Amino acid sequence: MQLVIVKLQARSQVALRVQEVLTKHGCNITLRLGIHEQSSNECSNEGVIVLQVKPELSAVNALVEDLKSISQVGVHALSI
């Protein structure tokens, strides 16, 4: 299983660009889970997205590189 973990530091500022990248690579994403803390008053400006992706190395590398090109976004790919 191939996973890509994405950490957004300024979610409200980078979410649109991250969504564009995820849409571009959508055919290679089999599962997406977005997590951010929220209280009754507001949502956190940090978030984590867990992606399960098809285990095609070139496609995974392209996705990771596109995400890394966005400031305030951290990315880590791993195989389980």
Protein backbone atom coordinates (compact mmCIF):
# COMPACT_ATOMS: atom_id res chain seq x y z
CA MET A 1 0.00 0.00 0.00
CA GLN A 2 1.34 3.41 -1.00
CA LEU A 3 0.40 6.46 1.11
CA VAL A 4 1.10 10.16 0.74
CA ILE A 5 0.72 12.31 3.85
CA VAL A 6 0.22 16.04 3.25
CA LYS A 7 0.49 18.68 6.01
CA LEU A 8 -0.99 22.11 5.29
CA GLN A 9 0.43 24.87 7.50
CA ALA A 10 -1.86 27.65 6.26
CA ARG A 11 -4.91 25.72 5.13
CA SER A 12 -7.01 28.73 4.19
CA GLN A 13 -4.22 30.10 1.97
CA VAL A 14 -3.08 26.91 0.21
CA ALA A 15 -6.23 24.76 0.05
CA LEU A 16 -7.22 25.86 -3.45
CA ARG A 17 -3.77 25.13 -4.93
CA VAL A 18 -3.61 21.77 -3.12
CA GLN A 19 -7.06 20.89 -4.49
CA GLU A 20 -5.88 21.73 -8.01
CA VAL A 21 -2.92 19.36 -7.64
CA LEU A 22 -5.13 16.60 -6.21
CA THR A 23 -7.57 17.02 -9.10
CA LYS A 24 -4.70 16.86 -11.61
CA HIS A 25 -3.57 13.54 -10.10
CA GLY A 26 -7.06 12.30 -9.23
CA CYS A 27 -6.91 9.14 -11.35
CA ASN A 28 -4.02 7.89 -9.19
CA ILE A 29 -5.69 8.61 -5.84
CA THR A 30 -7.81 5.76 -4.47
CA LEU A 31 -8.58 7.22 -1.02
CA ARG A 32 -8.51 10.71 0.46
CA LEU A 33 -9.00 11.59 4.13
CA GLY A 34 -8.79 15.20 5.31
CA ILE A 35 -8.32 16.01 8.99
CA HIS A 36 -8.29 19.35 10.77
CA GLU A 37 -9.11 20.36 14.30
CA GLN A 38 -12.13 22.48 14.91
CA SER A 39 -13.83 23.99 17.89
CA SER A 40 -17.38 25.21 18.12
CA ASN A 41 -16.18 28.66 17.03
CA GLU A 42 -13.62 28.07 14.27
CA CYS A 43 -11.61 25.60 12.20
CA SER A 44 -7.87 25.19 12.61
CA ASN A 45 -5.68 26.74 9.94
CA GLU A 46 -3.56 23.56 9.88
CA GLY A 47 -4.66 20.32 8.32
CA VAL A 48 -3.53 16.86 7.28
CA ILE A 49 -4.57 14.95 4.19
CA VAL A 50 -3.92 11.20 3.94
CA LEU A 51 -3.93 9.82 0.41
CA GLN A 52 -3.80 6.20 -0.67
CA VAL A 53 -2.40 6.18 -4.18
CA LYS A 54 -1.80 3.62 -6.89
CA PRO A 55 1.69 2.12 -6.47
CA GLU A 56 3.08 3.52 -9.73
CA LEU A 57 6.37 5.16 -8.75
CA SER A 58 6.46 7.79 -11.50
CA ALA A 59 2.88 8.90 -10.73
CA VAL A 60 3.58 9.05 -6.98
CA ASN A 61 6.76 11.06 -7.55
CA ALA A 62 4.92 13.52 -9.83
CA LEU A 63 2.18 14.03 -7.22
CA VAL A 64 4.73 14.51 -4.42
CA GLU A 65 6.78 17.00 -6.45
CA ASP A 66 3.69 19.02 -7.40
CA LEU A 67 2.62 19.19 -3.75
CA LYS A 68 6.13 20.09 -2.55
CA SER A 69 6.14 23.04 -4.94
CA ILE A 70 3.45 24.71 -2.80
CA SER A 71 4.82 26.78 0.07
CA GLN A 72 3.56 25.89 3.55
CA VAL A 73 2.81 22.31 2.46
CA GLY A 74 4.81 19.35 3.75
CA VAL A 75 4.66 15.98 1.99
CA HIS A 76 5.86 12.48 2.85
CA ALA A 77 5.31 9.33 0.77
CA LEU A 78 5.57 5.89 2.33
CA SER A 79 4.88 2.27 1.57
CA ILE A 80 3.22 0.01 4.10
